Amino acid sequence: MSTQTPVHPGAILRTQFMVRHNLSASALAIRLHVPAPRVNDIVRERRGISPDSALRLARFFRTTAQYWMDLQTAYDLSLAQTQAGEQIIREVLPVVIDNEEKAVA
């Protein structure tokens, strides 16, 4: 199990894309045709990247929407693992496959 702190997609947007292109949150919002608070909340790590935002970021930065969605999914999954992973391991038992039952018998 990884103890590494997950990186919010907004941090990646801010450090690897906006800084490189000298863009403020409001300037990026104008270019993406979205409300400024949306971009501001993403880069301040208060909001995740929606499919609509992923499509717009992909078009603007010449990446793929899947790239942005993968960042968001990895972040969400890492948080879920940290917050509930141990409890889920205790509560949920894996399905027993017929071959496993025969091997144990």
Protein backbone atom coordinates (compact mmCIF):
# COMPACT_ATOMS: atom_id res chain seq x y z
CA MET A 1 0.00 0.00 0.00
CA SER A 2 1.40 3.39 -1.00
CA THR A 3 1.81 6.08 1.64
CA GLN A 4 2.53 8.73 -0.99
CA THR A 5 0.22 11.74 -0.85
CA PRO A 6 -1.97 11.88 -3.95
CA VAL A 7 -1.47 14.86 -6.26
CA HIS A 8 -4.61 16.81 -7.07
CA PRO A 9 -5.12 17.35 -10.82
CA GLY A 10 -5.39 21.07 -10.11
CA ALA A 11 -1.81 21.07 -8.85
CA ILE A 12 -0.66 19.46 -12.09
CA LEU A 13 -2.71 21.92 -14.13
CA ARG A 14 -1.20 24.83 -12.21
CA THR A 15 2.45 23.72 -12.09
CA GLN A 16 2.90 21.85 -15.37
CA PHE A 17 0.59 23.75 -17.69
CA MET A 18 -0.43 27.20 -16.45
CA VAL A 19 3.02 28.24 -15.21
CA ARG A 20 4.67 26.98 -18.40
CA HIS A 21 2.28 29.07 -20.52
CA ASN A 22 2.19 32.03 -18.12
CA LEU A 23 -1.59 31.75 -17.63
CA SER A 24 -3.62 32.98 -14.69
CA ALA A 25 -6.77 31.15 -13.66
CA SER A 26 -8.94 33.93 -15.07
CA ALA A 27 -7.04 33.98 -18.37
CA LEU A 28 -7.40 30.21 -18.70
CA ALA A 29 -11.10 30.42 -17.89
CA ILE A 30 -11.58 32.93 -20.69
CA ARG A 31 -9.73 30.69 -23.15
CA LEU A 32 -11.75 27.64 -22.07
CA HIS A 33 -15.07 29.55 -22.12
CA VAL A 34 -15.92 28.56 -18.55
CA PRO A 35 -16.67 30.60 -15.43
CA ALA A 36 -13.52 31.83 -13.68
CA PRO A 37 -14.53 30.25 -10.33
CA ARG A 38 -14.44 26.81 -11.97
CA VAL A 39 -10.78 27.11 -12.96
CA ASN A 40 -9.91 28.92 -9.75
CA ASP A 41 -11.44 26.12 -7.66
CA ILE A 42 -9.63 23.44 -9.67
CA VAL A 43 -6.20 25.06 -9.34
CA ARG A 44 -6.78 25.74 -5.63
CA GLU A 45 -7.61 22.03 -5.29
CA ARG A 46 -11.16 22.67 -4.07
CA ARG A 47 -12.85 21.04 -7.05
CA GLY A 48 -12.18 18.09 -9.29
CA ILE A 49 -11.94 18.01 -13.06
CA SER A 50 -15.27 17.21 -14.68
CA PRO A 51 -15.60 15.53 -18.08
CA ASP A 52 -16.52 18.92 -19.57
CA SER A 53 -13.42 20.53 -18.10
CA ALA A 54 -11.30 17.58 -19.27
CA LEU A 55 -12.52 18.05 -22.84
CA ARG A 56 -11.78 21.77 -22.74
CA LEU A 57 -8.34 21.35 -21.15
CA ALA A 58 -7.47 18.64 -23.66
CA ARG A 59 -8.40 20.83 -26.60
CA PHE A 60 -6.55 23.87 -25.26
CA PHE A 61 -3.35 22.15 -24.10
CA ARG A 62 -3.28 19.56 -26.92
CA THR A 63 -3.57 16.62 -24.58
CA THR A 64 -6.41 14.13 -24.29
CA ALA A 65 -9.52 14.29 -22.17
CA GLN A 66 -8.56 10.83 -20.92
CA TYR A 67 -5.31 12.25 -19.52
CA TRP A 68 -7.24 14.70 -17.33
CA MET A 69 -9.85 12.13 -16.32
CA ASP A 70 -7.11 9.61 -15.43
CA LEU A 71 -5.48 12.20 -13.16
CA GLN A 72 -8.82 12.82 -11.45
CA THR A 73 -9.63 9.12 -11.11
CA ALA A 74 -6.18 8.32 -9.69
CA TYR A 75 -6.58 11.14 -7.17
CA ASP A 76 -10.10 10.08 -6.17
CA LEU A 77 -9.11 6.43 -5.84
CA SER A 78 -6.07 7.30 -3.74
CA LEU A 79 -8.22 9.37 -1.39
CA ALA A 80 -10.81 6.58 -1.13
CA GLN A 81 -8.06 4.07 -0.36
CA THR A 82 -6.70 6.31 2.37
CA GLN A 83 -10.11 7.12 3.85
CA ALA A 84 -11.89 3.76 3.60
CA GLY A 85 -9.51 1.14 2.25
CA GLU A 86 -8.80 -0.65 5.53
CA GLN A 87 -12.46 -0.65 6.52
CA ILE A 88 -13.44 -2.11 3.15
CA ILE A 89 -10.82 -4.85 3.52
CA ARG A 90 -12.31 -5.76 6.91
CA GLU A 91 -15.94 -5.64 5.77
CA VAL A 92 -15.94 -7.10 2.26
CA LEU A 93 -14.97 -10.71 1.67
CA PRO A 94 -13.88 -11.74 -1.85
CA VAL A 95 -16.11 -14.06 -3.83
CA VAL A 96 -15.19 -17.72 -3.56
CA ILE A 97 -14.55 -19.34 -6.93
CA ASP A 98 -15.57 -23.01 -7.34
CA ASN A 99 -11.99 -24.10 -8.11
CA GLU A 100 -10.76 -22.50 -4.88
CA GLU A 101 -13.35 -24.41 -2.86
CA LYS A 102 -12.25 -27.73 -4.42
CA ALA A 103 -8.58 -26.93 -3.86
CA VAL A 104 -9.20 -26.26 -0.17
CA ALA A 105 -11.29 -29.44 0.32
